[in-house]
Amino acid sequence: MLPRPDQKSDLRCREAAVASAALYIKEARFKADLERLVACRTETSRRGDAAQKQIYLSDIIAPELAELGFETRIYDNPDPGSGPLAIYKRIENPKLPTVLLYGHGDVVPGQEGEWDADRSPWKLEEADGRLYGRGTADNKGQHWINIAALRQVLATRGRLGFNCKILLEMEEESGSPGLEAFCRTHKDELAADLLIASDGPRIRTDRPTVALGSRGNFNFDLEIRYRNGGRHSGNWGGSIKDPVIRLAHAISTITDDHGRILIQAWRPQPPTERIRGLLKDCPILQSDGVSRMDADWGETNLEPAERVLAWNNFAVLAIKAGSPERPVNAIAPMAWARCQLRFLAGLDPETILPALRSHLDAHGFEDVVLSPARSTWWRGTTTDPDNQWVQKTMRSLERTEAKTPDLIPCIGGSLPNHAFQGIVGMPTVWVPHSYSDCSQHAPNEHVRIDLCLSAIRVMTGLFWDIGREGEGEG
């Protein structure tokens, strides 16, 4: 058995690893690596272009991880037509803790021609302290920072001090079809003591964020169809049902005029005092210190951060009837809306549409047809904030940055966290490396170089601290 290094020696080595990680960003080596990742066009909507998704996992990521002692296995997706998944493993000692890292290599469509300064989404470009390109923030840049942090620990200490598994998928932007089935089949292979992953934005840019889960996401359609074609509004108006008016009134029963959910089955339990304490003074929806939240919208008895991170909310994403581009004088034959419910852990997504059906029927809207927008959805999840791995993560990040991280019960968006927490079965910790104005899912997606610098420092420190407990294992 090897002796444990003394505390001063360990501190010096930790500082050296963190400093080396910072140089990786400052010397533009990160930029060069990220350029290769961005150039691989892994658009999730291009389901026929499976070759690029395979190349990303096998030709770009696998060789880098092989240098770090990881074995690679690439699998077909259980969902026919969806992109592959890969598991990379480095097992140092079965007695050591095991950490599972997760990321996704697929990206949303590039939206060529819509970027400022005629930028190409597939060519990394640096400007004003930012790196522009599709996938820089979501999610190639984020999981690559974590891989680079592993490299810094290995280069300094010679080993991680823990076992590490990495799961990369290529369909997260399509709702991760096949991921839950994959995790069920490969549950033993993915088993770990903790999931650490990075996606989404920090709460504020000057300190790390630790998120313990994510809200669930269920998209569904409302439709009313009365006839096959339009009817002249002068000849028929006032004598036949207008589906647009009917649909608007049906939607209006779901919330009040300030967005407060009126379907009791959709309303969560009020946040506990523990959660309220975590979110106290949390600067959600701020940019440069300026709040963007409407004070009179949603659950007005909740604090701003609680409305986003400790409550459910309903949104109408799109609505259509008639010919919006060229309106004509006709009563539309049908009306359609795409809606969404973001929800906390505890709400079973299987109950969402039945509860809405009962609600609409009770208000006389039996003519509204309901249907899920896709076959998969993400469940709400969270980890106990007092979990030992959460507290270790908080202490490590504070040790590196000398600032207390923001600890939140979940991110406001949605991630496939249930696959790891609910199926494989492990606590989950998310440490995002982006910020709210990164333009993910839009033209001009980018990462800030200063945030990448902070991110690789804290992740190198975190992996170092997790591995330090394994220093005594021979």
Protein backbone atom coordinates (compact mmCIF):
# COMPACT_ATOMS: atom_id res chain seq x y z
CA MET A 1 0.00 0.00 0.00
CA LEU A 2 1.35 3.39 -0.96
CA PRO A 3 1.62 6.01 1.77
CA ARG A 4 -0.66 9.00 1.59
CA PRO A 5 1.09 12.21 0.57
CA ASP A 6 1.33 14.77 3.30
CA GLN A 7 -1.12 17.67 3.21
CA LYS A 8 1.39 20.31 2.11
CA SER A 9 2.69 18.13 -0.70
CA ASP A 10 -0.84 17.39 -1.89
CA LEU A 11 -1.73 21.08 -1.83
CA ARG A 12 1.30 21.95 -3.95
CA CYS A 13 0.44 19.21 -6.46
CA ARG A 14 -3.20 20.29 -6.57
CA GLU A 15 -2.18 23.87 -7.21
CA ALA A 16 0.17 22.72 -9.96
CA ALA A 17 -2.60 20.74 -11.66
CA VAL A 18 -5.02 23.67 -11.48
CA ALA A 19 -2.37 26.07 -12.80
CA SER A 20 -1.57 23.71 -15.67
CA ALA A 21 -5.28 23.51 -16.50
CA ALA A 22 -5.47 27.30 -16.64
CA LEU A 23 -2.56 27.40 -19.10
CA TYR A 24 -4.45 25.00 -21.36
CA ILE A 25 -7.08 27.70 -21.81
CA LYS A 26 -4.73 30.70 -21.84
CA GLU A 27 -2.37 29.22 -24.42
CA ALA A 28 -5.27 28.56 -26.83
CA ARG A 29 -4.81 24.78 -26.81
CA PHE A 30 -8.44 24.51 -25.76
CA LYS A 31 -9.40 26.67 -28.73
CA ALA A 32 -7.55 24.37 -31.13
CA ASP A 33 -9.21 21.28 -29.70
CA LEU A 34 -12.67 22.84 -29.67
CA GLU A 35 -12.22 23.85 -33.31
CA ARG A 36 -12.04 20.17 -34.30
CA LEU A 37 -15.17 19.35 -32.31
CA VAL A 38 -17.21 22.19 -33.80
CA ALA A 39 -16.17 21.31 -37.36
CA CYS A 40 -17.82 17.89 -37.02
CA ARG A 41 -21.42 18.54 -38.14
CA THR A 42 -23.44 16.46 -35.73
CA GLU A 43 -26.85 18.10 -36.14
CA THR A 44 -29.42 16.03 -34.32
CA SER A 45 -32.09 16.76 -36.95
CA ARG A 46 -29.92 15.28 -39.72
CA ARG A 47 -30.91 11.73 -38.79
CA GLY A 48 -29.64 10.38 -42.11
CA ASP A 49 -26.11 11.70 -41.46
CA ALA A 50 -25.18 9.03 -38.92
CA ALA A 51 -21.59 9.02 -40.18
CA GLN A 52 -20.74 12.35 -38.55
CA LYS A 53 -22.11 11.20 -35.21
CA GLN A 54 -20.08 8.00 -35.43
CA ILE A 55 -16.96 9.97 -36.40
CA TYR A 56 -17.38 12.26 -33.40
CA LEU A 57 -17.38 9.33 -30.97
CA SER A 58 -14.88 7.02 -32.66
CA ASP A 59 -12.43 9.30 -34.51
CA ILE A 60 -12.39 12.48 -32.41
CA ILE A 61 -13.18 11.56 -28.80
CA ALA A 62 -11.96 7.95 -28.58
CA PRO A 63 -8.29 8.60 -29.54
CA GLU A 64 -8.03 11.42 -27.00
CA LEU A 65 -9.43 9.23 -24.24
CA ALA A 66 -7.27 6.26 -25.30
CA GLU A 67 -4.24 8.42 -24.50
CA LEU A 68 -5.69 8.76 -20.98
CA GLY A 69 -6.09 5.02 -20.56
CA PHE A 70 -9.80 4.73 -21.41
CA GLU A 71 -11.28 1.79 -23.26
CA THR A 72 -13.97 2.58 -25.83
CA ARG A 73 -17.18 0.74 -26.70
CA ILE A 74 -19.63 2.24 -29.18
CA TYR A 75 -23.20 0.97 -29.35
CA ASP A 76 -26.12 1.27 -31.70
CA ASN A 77 -29.01 3.24 -30.27
CA PRO A 78 -31.97 1.08 -29.15
CA ASP A 79 -34.17 3.61 -30.93
CA PRO A 80 -34.03 2.80 -34.67
CA GLY A 81 -32.62 5.66 -36.73
CA SER A 82 -31.12 7.51 -33.77
CA GLY A 83 -27.44 8.19 -33.29
CA PRO A 84 -24.97 5.90 -31.51
CA LEU A 85 -23.86 6.02 -27.88
CA ALA A 86 -20.39 5.41 -26.45
CA ILE A 87 -19.06 4.29 -23.08
CA TYR A 88 -15.42 5.07 -22.27
CA LYS A 89 -13.96 3.41 -19.15
CA ARG A 90 -10.80 3.72 -17.08
CA ILE A 91 -10.84 1.32 -14.11
CA GLU A 92 -7.88 1.87 -11.79
CA ASN A 93 -9.01 -0.28 -8.86
CA PRO A 94 -12.42 -1.86 -8.20
CA LYS A 95 -12.13 -0.74 -4.58
CA LEU A 96 -12.01 2.94 -5.55
CA PRO A 97 -15.05 5.17 -6.01
CA THR A 98 -16.42 5.35 -9.54
CA VAL A 99 -17.52 8.58 -11.23
CA LEU A 100 -19.72 8.62 -14.33
CA LEU A 101 -19.43 11.65 -16.63
CA TYR A 102 -22.09 12.43 -19.23
CA GLY A 103 -22.29 14.67 -22.26
CA HIS A 104 -23.84 14.87 -25.71
CA GLY A 105 -22.10 15.45 -29.00
CA ASP A 106 -25.16 16.31 -31.08
CA VAL A 107 -26.10 19.93 -31.72
CA VAL A 108 -29.15 21.83 -32.94
CA PRO A 109 -29.25 22.90 -36.62
CA GLY A 110 -26.53 25.36 -37.58
CA GLN A 111 -28.83 28.12 -38.87
CA GLU A 112 -26.33 29.08 -41.53
CA GLY A 113 -26.66 32.61 -42.87
CA GLU A 114 -28.19 33.96 -39.65
CA TRP A 115 -24.99 34.49 -37.65
CA ASP A 116 -23.48 37.92 -37.16
CA ALA A 117 -20.40 38.96 -39.17
CA ASP A 118 -21.12 36.17 -41.70
CA ARG A 119 -19.77 33.59 -39.28
CA SER A 120 -20.11 29.92 -40.13
CA PRO A 121 -21.57 27.78 -37.32
CA TRP A 122 -19.04 25.07 -38.23
CA LYS A 123 -15.90 27.19 -38.03
CA LEU A 124 -14.72 28.28 -34.59
CA GLU A 125 -14.05 32.00 -34.41
CA GLU A 126 -12.69 34.09 -31.54
CA ALA A 127 -13.91 37.65 -30.96
CA ASP A 128 -14.19 39.87 -27.88
CA GLY A 129 -13.19 37.16 -25.45
CA ARG A 130 -15.65 34.66 -26.88
CA LEU A 131 -15.41 31.49 -28.97
CA TYR A 132 -18.25 31.28 -31.50
CA GLY A 133 -19.51 28.08 -33.12
CA ARG A 134 -22.31 25.55 -32.92
CA GLY A 135 -21.81 23.29 -29.92
CA THR A 136 -19.32 25.52 -28.11
CA ALA A 137 -21.75 25.90 -25.20
CA ASP A 138 -24.18 23.04 -25.84
CA ASN A 139 -22.53 20.68 -25.25
CA LYS A 140 -19.18 19.98 -26.89
CA GLY A 141 -17.27 22.70 -25.08
CA GLN A 142 -18.65 21.68 -21.71
CA HIS A 143 -17.88 17.95 -21.82
CA TRP A 144 -14.51 18.63 -23.42
CA ILE A 145 -13.54 20.86 -20.48
CA ASN A 146 -14.27 17.93 -18.16
CA ILE A 147 -12.15 15.57 -20.27
CA ALA A 148 -9.34 18.13 -20.32
CA ALA A 149 -9.54 18.42 -16.52
CA LEU A 150 -9.08 14.65 -16.22
CA ARG A 151 -5.97 14.99 -18.38
CA GLN A 152 -4.50 17.61 -16.04
CA VAL A 153 -4.97 15.38 -12.99
CA LEU A 154 -3.40 12.42 -14.74
CA ALA A 155 -0.47 14.50 -15.97
CA THR A 156 0.26 15.75 -12.46
CA ARG A 157 -0.54 12.78 -10.23
CA GLY A 158 -0.07 9.90 -12.67
CA ARG A 159 -3.49 8.49 -11.93
CA LEU A 160 -6.97 9.76 -11.18
CA GLY A 161 -7.38 8.06 -7.81
CA PHE A 162 -10.88 6.94 -8.83
CA ASN A 163 -12.49 4.90 -11.57
CA CYS A 164 -14.04 6.92 -14.37
CA LYS A 165 -16.70 6.14 -16.95
CA ILE A 166 -17.88 8.55 -19.62
CA LEU A 167 -21.17 8.23 -21.50
CA LEU A 168 -21.65 10.32 -24.64
CA GLU A 169 -24.87 10.26 -26.63
CA MET A 170 -25.78 11.86 -29.96
CA GLU A 171 -29.52 12.60 -29.68
CA GLU A 172 -29.99 14.81 -26.59
CA GLU A 173 -31.35 17.67 -28.70
CA SER A 174 -34.10 15.31 -29.91
CA GLY A 175 -35.10 14.31 -26.40
CA SER A 176 -32.55 11.50 -25.94
CA PRO A 177 -34.56 8.75 -27.66
CA GLY A 178 -33.22 5.36 -26.65
CA LEU A 179 -31.16 6.64 -23.72
CA GLU A 180 -33.36 5.27 -20.94
CA ALA A 181 -33.61 1.88 -22.67
CA PHE A 182 -29.84 1.90 -23.14
CA CYS A 183 -29.29 2.66 -19.44
CA ARG A 184 -31.59 -0.20 -18.45
CA THR A 185 -29.70 -2.64 -20.66
CA HIS A 186 -26.26 -1.40 -19.60
CA LYS A 187 -27.07 -0.58 -16.00
CA ASP A 188 -24.20 -2.65 -14.59
CA GLU A 189 -21.69 -1.25 -17.06
CA LEU A 190 -22.71 2.33 -16.17
CA ALA A 191 -22.91 1.77 -12.41
CA ALA A 192 -21.10 4.44 -10.41
CA ASP A 193 -21.09 6.19 -7.05
CA LEU A 194 -21.82 9.59 -8.58
CA LEU A 195 -22.74 11.28 -11.85
CA ILE A 196 -20.92 14.52 -12.62
CA ALA A 197 -22.04 16.32 -15.76
CA SER A 198 -21.98 19.79 -17.22
CA ASP A 199 -24.73 21.41 -19.28
CA GLY A 200 -26.69 24.63 -19.18
CA PRO A 201 -25.71 27.97 -17.65
CA ARG A 202 -24.34 29.11 -14.34
CA ILE A 203 -26.68 31.14 -12.17
CA ARG A 204 -24.13 33.94 -12.17
CA THR A 205 -20.88 34.25 -14.02
CA ASP A 206 -18.58 35.15 -11.13
CA ARG A 207 -18.93 31.83 -9.25
CA PRO A 208 -19.67 28.17 -9.98
CA THR A 209 -23.15 26.67 -9.86
CA VAL A 210 -23.97 23.21 -8.54
CA ALA A 211 -27.36 21.89 -9.73
CA LEU A 212 -28.81 18.74 -8.20
CA GLY A 213 -31.16 17.75 -11.02
CA SER A 214 -33.42 19.20 -13.66
CA ARG A 215 -37.06 19.95 -14.26
CA GLY A 216 -39.01 17.51 -16.38
CA ASN A 217 -40.27 18.51 -19.79
CA PHE A 218 -43.51 17.37 -21.44
CA ASN A 219 -44.56 18.86 -24.79
CA PHE A 220 -48.06 18.25 -26.11
CA ASP A 221 -50.52 19.49 -28.74
CA LEU A 222 -54.03 20.90 -28.47
CA GLU A 223 -56.15 20.80 -31.61
CA ILE A 224 -59.70 21.62 -32.61
CA ARG A 225 -60.84 20.64 -36.11
CA TYR A 226 -64.43 21.38 -37.18
CA ARG A 227 -64.39 21.11 -40.97
CA ASN A 228 -62.15 20.46 -43.97
CA GLY A 229 -61.93 24.01 -45.29
CA GLY A 230 -62.49 27.63 -44.37
CA ARG A 231 -65.86 29.37 -44.64
CA HIS A 232 -66.43 32.95 -45.79
CA SER A 233 -66.55 35.08 -42.64
CA GLY A 234 -69.29 37.31 -44.06
CA ASN A 235 -71.60 34.48 -45.07
CA TRP A 236 -70.86 32.14 -42.16
CA GLY A 237 -69.51 34.31 -39.35
CA GLY A 238 -71.70 34.16 -36.24
CA SER A 239 -73.41 30.92 -37.30
CA ILE A 240 -70.58 28.35 -37.09
CA LYS A 241 -68.08 27.57 -34.39
CA ASP A 242 -64.73 29.35 -34.64
CA PRO A 243 -62.00 26.86 -33.59
CA VAL A 244 -59.52 29.66 -32.90
CA ILE A 245 -61.78 31.33 -30.36
CA ARG A 246 -62.64 27.98 -28.81
CA LEU A 247 -58.97 27.00 -28.50
CA ALA A 248 -58.04 30.38 -27.03
CA HIS A 249 -60.71 29.99 -24.35
CA ALA A 250 -59.63 26.41 -23.64
CA ILE A 251 -56.03 27.53 -23.11
CA SER A 252 -57.19 30.36 -20.88
CA THR A 253 -58.58 27.85 -18.38
CA ILE A 254 -55.16 26.28 -17.82
CA THR A 255 -53.73 29.37 -16.12
CA ASP A 256 -55.13 32.65 -14.89
CA ASP A 257 -54.29 35.90 -16.65
CA HIS A 258 -51.00 36.11 -14.72
CA GLY A 259 -49.77 32.64 -15.70
CA ARG A 260 -50.66 30.90 -12.43
CA ILE A 261 -51.44 27.19 -13.10
CA LEU A 262 -55.07 26.33 -12.32
CA ILE A 263 -54.93 22.55 -12.76
CA GLN A 264 -54.46 21.26 -9.24
CA ALA A 265 -52.76 18.02 -10.34
CA TRP A 266 -50.07 20.09 -12.07
CA ARG A 267 -49.25 22.15 -8.99
CA PRO A 268 -46.32 20.91 -6.87
CA GLN A 269 -45.92 21.07 -3.13
CA PRO A 270 -44.63 24.46 -1.91
CA PRO A 271 -40.84 24.59 -1.60
CA THR A 272 -39.50 23.43 1.75
CA GLU A 273 -37.63 25.75 4.07
CA ARG A 274 -34.41 23.96 3.06
CA ILE A 275 -35.02 24.74 -0.60
CA ARG A 276 -36.10 28.30 0.19
CA GLY A 277 -32.86 28.75 2.05
CA LEU A 278 -30.80 27.55 -0.90
CA LEU A 279 -32.59 29.90 -3.28
CA LYS A 280 -32.62 32.93 -1.00
CA ASP A 281 -31.14 35.89 -2.90
CA CYS A 282 -30.39 33.61 -5.86
CA PRO A 283 -29.99 36.03 -8.80
CA ILE A 284 -32.02 34.05 -11.32
CA LEU A 285 -32.76 35.67 -14.68
CA GLN A 286 -30.28 38.49 -14.25
CA SER A 287 -27.74 39.88 -16.65
CA ASP A 288 -25.20 42.40 -15.46
CA GLY A 289 -27.15 42.65 -12.23
CA VAL A 290 -30.42 43.67 -13.91
CA SER A 291 -33.50 41.51 -13.33
CA ARG A 292 -35.45 40.33 -16.35
CA MET A 293 -38.33 38.81 -14.42
CA ASP A 294 -41.87 40.19 -14.56
CA ALA A 295 -42.89 40.68 -10.95
CA ASP A 296 -46.59 40.15 -11.69
CA TRP A 297 -46.26 36.84 -13.55
CA GLY A 298 -46.63 33.30 -12.20
CA GLU A 299 -46.86 32.31 -8.55
CA THR A 300 -46.64 35.74 -6.99
CA ASN A 301 -46.27 34.31 -3.48
CA LEU A 302 -42.92 32.79 -4.47
CA GLU A 303 -39.57 34.51 -4.72
CA PRO A 304 -38.22 34.99 -8.27
CA ALA A 305 -35.79 32.05 -8.15
CA GLU A 306 -38.45 29.80 -6.60
CA ARG A 307 -40.77 30.36 -9.56
CA VAL A 308 -38.16 28.97 -11.94
CA LEU A 309 -36.28 26.41 -9.81
CA ALA A 310 -38.92 25.26 -7.31
CA TRP A 311 -42.20 25.30 -9.24
CA ASN A 312 -43.92 24.01 -12.38
CA ASN A 313 -44.85 26.25 -15.26
CA PHE A 314 -46.93 26.03 -18.42
CA ALA A 315 -46.13 27.69 -21.74
CA VAL A 316 -47.68 27.93 -25.19
CA LEU A 317 -44.76 27.46 -27.58
CA ALA A 318 -46.63 27.95 -30.84
CA ILE A 319 -50.17 28.48 -32.06
CA LYS A 320 -51.52 28.40 -35.59
CA ALA A 321 -54.79 28.80 -37.48
CA GLY A 322 -55.71 30.03 -40.91
CA SER A 323 -52.91 31.50 -43.05
CA PRO A 324 -50.86 33.83 -40.80
CA GLU A 325 -48.64 34.94 -43.69
CA ARG A 326 -51.62 35.88 -45.91
CA PRO A 327 -54.80 36.24 -43.82
CA VAL A 328 -58.09 35.88 -45.70
CA ASN A 329 -61.68 36.65 -44.74
CA ALA A 330 -62.60 33.15 -43.65
CA ILE A 331 -63.48 31.23 -40.50
CA ALA A 332 -60.56 28.81 -40.07
CA PRO A 333 -61.42 25.10 -40.19
CA MET A 334 -59.03 24.20 -37.35
CA ALA A 335 -56.69 25.60 -34.70
CA TRP A 336 -53.59 24.04 -33.21
CA ALA A 337 -51.21 24.83 -30.35
CA ARG A 338 -47.95 23.26 -29.15
CA CYS A 339 -47.74 23.53 -25.36
CA GLN A 340 -45.26 22.60 -22.69
CA LEU A 341 -45.17 21.80 -18.99
CA ARG A 342 -41.88 22.11 -17.12
CA PHE A 343 -42.18 20.26 -13.83
CA LEU A 344 -40.32 19.25 -10.69
CA ALA A 345 -39.49 15.80 -9.38
CA GLY A 346 -42.60 14.13 -7.99
CA LEU A 347 -44.98 14.66 -10.92
CA ASP A 348 -45.48 11.51 -13.00
CA PRO A 349 -45.51 12.58 -16.68
CA GLU A 350 -48.00 9.80 -17.40
CA THR A 351 -50.60 11.80 -15.44
CA ILE A 352 -50.16 15.13 -17.24
CA LEU A 353 -52.51 14.62 -20.20
CA PRO A 354 -55.19 12.72 -18.22
CA ALA A 355 -55.31 15.60 -15.73
CA LEU A 356 -55.63 18.10 -18.57
CA ARG A 357 -58.33 15.99 -20.24
CA SER A 358 -60.41 15.97 -17.06
CA HIS A 359 -59.90 19.69 -16.61
CA LEU A 360 -60.94 20.64 -20.15
CA ASP A 361 -63.96 18.33 -20.07
CA ALA A 362 -65.09 19.89 -16.80
CA HIS A 363 -64.96 23.30 -18.51
CA GLY A 364 -66.94 22.14 -21.55
CA PHE A 365 -64.06 21.68 -23.99
CA GLU A 366 -64.59 18.08 -24.99
CA ASP A 367 -63.86 19.09 -28.60
CA VAL A 368 -60.17 19.77 -27.86
CA VAL A 369 -58.01 16.83 -28.96
CA LEU A 370 -54.87 16.17 -26.89
CA SER A 371 -51.75 14.34 -28.04
CA PRO A 372 -48.12 14.12 -26.86
CA ALA A 373 -45.70 15.92 -29.15
CA ARG A 374 -43.17 13.10 -29.05
CA SER A 375 -42.85 9.58 -27.71
CA THR A 376 -40.21 10.40 -25.08
CA TRP A 377 -39.99 12.98 -22.33
CA TRP A 378 -37.73 13.84 -19.44
CA ARG A 379 -38.77 13.43 -15.81
CA GLY A 380 -38.03 15.91 -13.05
CA THR A 381 -35.16 14.94 -10.73
CA THR A 382 -33.21 16.23 -7.76
CA THR A 383 -30.59 15.00 -5.30
CA ASP A 384 -30.61 15.61 -1.55
CA PRO A 385 -28.51 18.76 -0.97
CA ASP A 386 -27.06 17.12 2.15
CA ASN A 387 -25.76 14.12 0.21
CA GLN A 388 -22.06 13.56 0.99
CA TRP A 389 -21.03 13.86 -2.67
CA VAL A 390 -22.88 17.15 -3.01
CA GLN A 391 -21.13 18.54 0.05
CA LYS A 392 -17.73 17.29 -1.18
CA THR A 393 -18.35 19.01 -4.50
CA MET A 394 -19.31 22.26 -2.81
CA ARG A 395 -16.19 22.23 -0.62
CA SER A 396 -13.92 21.46 -3.55
CA LEU A 397 -15.28 24.21 -5.79
CA GLU A 398 -15.08 26.74 -2.98
CA ARG A 399 -11.52 25.65 -2.28
CA THR A 400 -10.53 26.41 -5.88
CA GLU A 401 -12.43 29.65 -6.48
CA ALA A 402 -12.53 30.99 -2.89
CA LYS A 403 -16.24 31.65 -3.42
CA THR A 404 -19.25 29.71 -2.20
CA PRO A 405 -20.92 28.10 -5.25
CA ASP A 406 -24.61 28.64 -5.92
CA LEU A 407 -26.38 25.41 -4.92
CA ILE A 408 -29.76 24.91 -6.59
CA PRO A 409 -32.21 21.97 -6.44
CA CYS A 410 -32.46 21.74 -10.23
CA ILE A 411 -31.80 23.72 -13.35
CA GLY A 412 -34.76 25.50 -14.91
CA GLY A 413 -34.40 23.58 -18.15
CA SER A 414 -34.56 19.85 -18.72
CA LEU A 415 -31.93 17.13 -19.05
CA PRO A 416 -32.08 13.31 -19.22
CA ASN A 417 -31.00 13.10 -15.59
CA HIS A 418 -33.64 10.48 -14.75
CA ALA A 419 -31.70 7.94 -16.82
CA PHE A 420 -28.85 8.15 -14.31
CA GLN A 421 -30.62 8.92 -11.06
CA GLY A 422 -33.79 6.93 -11.57
CA ILE A 423 -32.62 4.00 -13.72
CA VAL A 424 -28.91 3.41 -13.07
CA GLY A 425 -29.40 4.73 -9.53
CA MET A 426 -26.89 7.30 -8.26
CA PRO A 427 -26.75 10.83 -6.88
CA THR A 428 -26.23 13.43 -9.59
CA VAL A 429 -24.31 16.69 -9.58
CA TRP A 430 -24.35 19.12 -12.50
CA VAL A 431 -21.67 21.80 -12.76
CA PRO A 432 -22.53 24.01 -15.75
CA HIS A 433 -19.79 25.92 -17.58
CA SER A 434 -21.85 28.34 -19.69
CA TYR A 435 -23.99 31.41 -18.96
CA SER A 436 -27.51 32.52 -19.78
CA ASP A 437 -26.58 34.78 -22.72
CA CYS A 438 -24.57 32.16 -24.65
CA SER A 439 -27.16 31.98 -27.50
CA GLN A 440 -27.45 28.21 -27.34
CA HIS A 441 -30.10 26.91 -29.77
CA ALA A 442 -29.75 30.20 -31.70
CA PRO A 443 -27.36 31.93 -34.09
CA ASN A 444 -24.14 33.25 -32.48
CA GLU A 445 -23.75 30.41 -29.95
CA HIS A 446 -20.55 30.94 -27.99
CA VAL A 447 -18.60 30.35 -24.80
CA ARG A 448 -16.79 33.00 -22.82
CA ILE A 449 -13.09 32.29 -22.48
CA ASP A 450 -13.00 33.60 -18.92
CA LEU A 451 -15.75 31.17 -17.91
CA CYS A 452 -13.91 28.30 -19.60
CA LEU A 453 -10.86 29.25 -17.54
CA SER A 454 -12.86 29.17 -14.33
CA ALA A 455 -14.57 25.92 -15.38
CA ILE A 456 -11.41 23.92 -16.06
CA ARG A 457 -9.88 25.16 -12.81
CA VAL A 458 -12.80 24.00 -10.67
CA MET A 459 -13.18 20.68 -12.50
CA THR A 460 -9.47 19.91 -12.20
CA GLY A 461 -9.68 20.70 -8.50
CA LEU A 462 -12.83 18.60 -8.11
CA PHE A 463 -11.34 15.54 -9.82
CA TRP A 464 -8.16 15.99 -7.79
CA ASP A 465 -10.10 16.06 -4.53
CA ILE A 466 -12.23 13.04 -5.41
CA GLY A 467 -9.08 11.11 -6.29
CA ARG A 468 -7.18 12.12 -3.20
CA GLU A 469 -9.26 9.67 -1.17
CA GLY A 470 -7.83 6.90 -3.34
CA GLU A 471 -4.22 7.83 -2.76
CA GLY A 472 -3.87 5.25 -0.03
CA GLU A 473 -5.03 2.37 -2.26
CA GLY A 474 -2.24 0.21 -3.57
